[in-house]
N, C-alpha and C. Protein backbone atom coordinates (compact mmCIF):
# COMPACT_ATOMS: atom_id res chain seq x y z
N MET A 1 113.18 108.74 138.63
CA MET A 1 112.35 109.36 137.62
C MET A 1 111.17 110.05 138.30
N ILE A 2 110.90 111.22 137.86
CA ILE A 2 109.80 112.02 138.39
C ILE A 2 108.56 111.71 137.56
N ASP A 3 107.48 111.32 138.25
CA ASP A 3 106.26 110.92 137.55
C ASP A 3 105.09 111.87 137.75
N ASN A 4 105.21 112.81 138.71
CA ASN A 4 104.09 113.71 138.95
C ASN A 4 104.58 115.00 139.60
N ASP A 5 103.67 115.96 139.73
CA ASP A 5 104.05 117.28 140.24
C ASP A 5 104.52 117.22 141.69
N HIS A 6 103.97 116.31 142.46
CA HIS A 6 104.40 116.18 143.86
C HIS A 6 105.88 115.74 143.92
N GLN A 7 106.23 114.77 143.11
CA GLN A 7 107.63 114.33 143.05
C GLN A 7 108.53 115.44 142.52
N LEU A 8 108.00 116.25 141.61
CA LEU A 8 108.77 117.40 141.11
C LEU A 8 109.11 118.34 142.26
N LYS A 9 108.13 118.66 143.09
CA LYS A 9 108.38 119.57 144.22
C LYS A 9 109.43 118.99 145.16
N ILE A 10 109.37 117.69 145.41
CA ILE A 10 110.36 117.03 146.27
C ILE A 10 111.75 117.13 145.65
N ALA A 11 111.84 116.88 144.35
CA ALA A 11 113.13 116.96 143.65
C ALA A 11 113.68 118.37 143.68
N GLN A 12 112.81 119.36 143.48
CA GLN A 12 113.26 120.75 143.52
C GLN A 12 113.78 121.12 144.91
N LYS A 13 113.13 120.64 145.94
CA LYS A 13 113.58 120.91 147.31
C LYS A 13 114.92 120.23 147.56
N ALA A 14 115.09 119.02 147.05
CA ALA A 14 116.36 118.32 147.20
C ALA A 14 117.49 119.08 146.52
N VAL A 15 117.22 119.61 145.33
CA VAL A 15 118.23 120.42 144.62
C VAL A 15 118.59 121.64 145.45
N GLU A 16 117.59 122.31 145.97
CA GLU A 16 117.83 123.48 146.81
C GLU A 16 118.69 123.12 148.03
N ASN A 17 118.38 122.00 148.66
CA ASN A 17 119.15 121.57 149.83
C ASN A 17 120.60 121.26 149.47
N LEU A 18 120.81 120.58 148.36
CA LEU A 18 122.17 120.27 147.93
C LEU A 18 122.95 121.55 147.63
N GLN A 19 122.30 122.51 147.01
CA GLN A 19 122.96 123.78 146.73
C GLN A 19 123.34 124.49 148.02
N GLN A 20 122.48 124.46 149.01
CA GLN A 20 122.77 125.09 150.29
C GLN A 20 123.94 124.41 150.99
N VAL A 21 124.01 123.09 150.90
CA VAL A 21 125.13 122.35 151.48
C VAL A 21 126.43 122.80 150.84
N LEU A 22 126.43 122.92 149.52
CA LEU A 22 127.65 123.34 148.83
C LEU A 22 128.03 124.77 149.17
N LEU A 23 127.06 125.65 149.25
CA LEU A 23 127.37 127.04 149.61
C LEU A 23 127.97 127.13 151.00
N ALA A 24 127.42 126.38 151.93
CA ALA A 24 127.95 126.39 153.30
C ALA A 24 129.34 125.77 153.34
N ALA A 25 129.54 124.70 152.59
CA ALA A 25 130.83 124.00 152.61
C ALA A 25 131.95 124.88 152.05
N ARG A 26 131.63 125.73 151.09
CA ARG A 26 132.67 126.61 150.54
C ARG A 26 133.25 127.54 151.59
N ASN A 27 132.44 127.87 152.59
CA ASN A 27 132.90 128.79 153.64
C ASN A 27 133.67 128.10 154.75
N VAL A 28 133.64 126.77 154.74
CA VAL A 28 134.24 126.02 155.85
C VAL A 28 135.50 125.27 155.44
N HIS A 29 135.49 124.74 154.22
CA HIS A 29 136.57 123.86 153.79
C HIS A 29 137.60 124.58 152.93
N SER A 30 138.80 124.04 152.93
CA SER A 30 139.84 124.54 152.03
C SER A 30 139.44 124.20 150.60
N GLN A 31 140.13 124.80 149.63
CA GLN A 31 139.82 124.54 148.23
C GLN A 31 139.94 123.05 147.91
N GLN A 32 141.01 122.43 148.39
CA GLN A 32 141.23 121.00 148.10
C GLN A 32 140.15 120.15 148.76
N GLU A 33 139.86 120.42 150.02
CA GLU A 33 138.81 119.66 150.71
C GLU A 33 137.46 119.85 150.03
N TYR A 34 137.18 121.07 149.65
CA TYR A 34 135.90 121.36 149.01
C TYR A 34 135.77 120.59 147.70
N ARG A 35 136.81 120.60 146.89
CA ARG A 35 136.75 119.89 145.62
C ARG A 35 136.50 118.40 145.83
N LEU A 36 137.15 117.83 146.84
CA LEU A 36 136.96 116.40 147.11
C LEU A 36 135.55 116.10 147.62
N MET A 37 135.07 116.91 148.55
CA MET A 37 133.77 116.61 149.14
C MET A 37 132.60 117.03 148.25
N SER A 38 132.84 117.99 147.36
CA SER A 38 131.74 118.48 146.54
C SER A 38 131.49 117.61 145.30
N ALA A 39 132.48 116.87 144.87
CA ALA A 39 132.34 116.10 143.63
C ALA A 39 131.11 115.18 143.64
N PRO A 40 130.92 114.33 144.64
CA PRO A 40 129.73 113.47 144.61
C PRO A 40 128.42 114.25 144.77
N ILE A 41 128.47 115.34 145.49
CA ILE A 41 127.27 116.16 145.66
C ILE A 41 126.90 116.83 144.35
N LEU A 42 127.90 117.32 143.62
CA LEU A 42 127.65 117.94 142.32
C LEU A 42 127.09 116.93 141.32
N LEU A 43 127.57 115.69 141.38
CA LEU A 43 127.03 114.65 140.50
C LEU A 43 125.56 114.37 140.83
N GLU A 44 125.24 114.30 142.10
CA GLU A 44 123.86 114.10 142.52
C GLU A 44 122.99 115.28 142.11
N LEU A 45 123.52 116.47 142.24
CA LEU A 45 122.81 117.67 141.83
C LEU A 45 122.52 117.63 140.33
N GLN A 46 123.49 117.25 139.54
CA GLN A 46 123.30 117.13 138.09
C GLN A 46 122.23 116.09 137.76
N ARG A 47 122.27 114.95 138.45
CA ARG A 47 121.31 113.88 138.20
C ARG A 47 119.89 114.36 138.49
N ARG A 48 119.72 115.01 139.62
CA ARG A 48 118.38 115.49 139.99
C ARG A 48 117.89 116.59 139.06
N GLU A 49 118.79 117.49 138.68
CA GLU A 49 118.39 118.54 137.74
C GLU A 49 118.00 117.96 136.39
N GLN A 50 118.71 116.92 135.96
CA GLN A 50 118.37 116.26 134.70
C GLN A 50 116.99 115.62 134.78
N GLU A 51 116.68 114.99 135.90
CA GLU A 51 115.36 114.40 136.09
C GLU A 51 114.27 115.47 136.03
N ILE A 52 114.54 116.61 136.64
CA ILE A 52 113.58 117.72 136.61
C ILE A 52 113.36 118.18 135.17
N LEU A 53 114.44 118.35 134.42
CA LEU A 53 114.32 118.79 133.03
C LEU A 53 113.56 117.77 132.18
N GLU A 54 113.82 116.49 132.41
CA GLU A 54 113.12 115.46 131.67
C GLU A 54 111.62 115.49 131.98
N TYR A 55 111.28 115.65 133.24
CA TYR A 55 109.86 115.73 133.62
C TYR A 55 109.20 116.95 132.99
N LEU A 56 109.87 118.09 133.06
CA LEU A 56 109.29 119.32 132.53
C LEU A 56 109.20 119.31 131.00
N SER A 57 109.97 118.48 130.34
CA SER A 57 109.93 118.42 128.89
C SER A 57 108.79 117.54 128.37
N ARG A 58 108.18 116.77 129.25
CA ARG A 58 107.06 115.91 128.83
C ARG A 58 105.77 116.72 128.74
N THR A 59 104.89 116.27 127.85
CA THR A 59 103.58 116.92 127.76
C THR A 59 102.69 116.41 128.87
N GLU A 60 101.59 117.09 129.08
CA GLU A 60 100.67 116.73 130.17
C GLU A 60 100.15 115.30 130.02
N THR A 61 99.93 114.85 128.81
CA THR A 61 99.42 113.49 128.60
C THR A 61 100.47 112.42 128.88
N GLU A 62 101.73 112.81 128.91
CA GLU A 62 102.80 111.87 129.22
C GLU A 62 103.09 111.79 130.72
N VAL A 63 102.47 112.67 131.49
CA VAL A 63 102.72 112.76 132.92
C VAL A 63 101.59 112.07 133.67
N LEU A 64 101.97 111.29 134.68
CA LEU A 64 100.95 110.64 135.51
C LEU A 64 100.27 111.67 136.39
N PRO A 65 98.97 111.55 136.61
CA PRO A 65 98.29 112.50 137.51
C PRO A 65 98.78 112.34 138.94
N GLY A 66 98.82 113.47 139.65
CA GLY A 66 99.21 113.33 141.04
C GLY A 66 99.85 114.53 141.54
């Protein structure tokens, strides 16, 4: 769970890194290999993006300072 803007920045960077891993993997792996190796990464990407959306949907008074 993201509790402050600093954690938000870290989560956004993690999402960017996961996306870069997937983009690079598409150029290296076969379709079958890519589907197998990307599945857990895509799930992690979804989880982190959901956390970002949940944080951004809260009002300022619901967010911890930091």
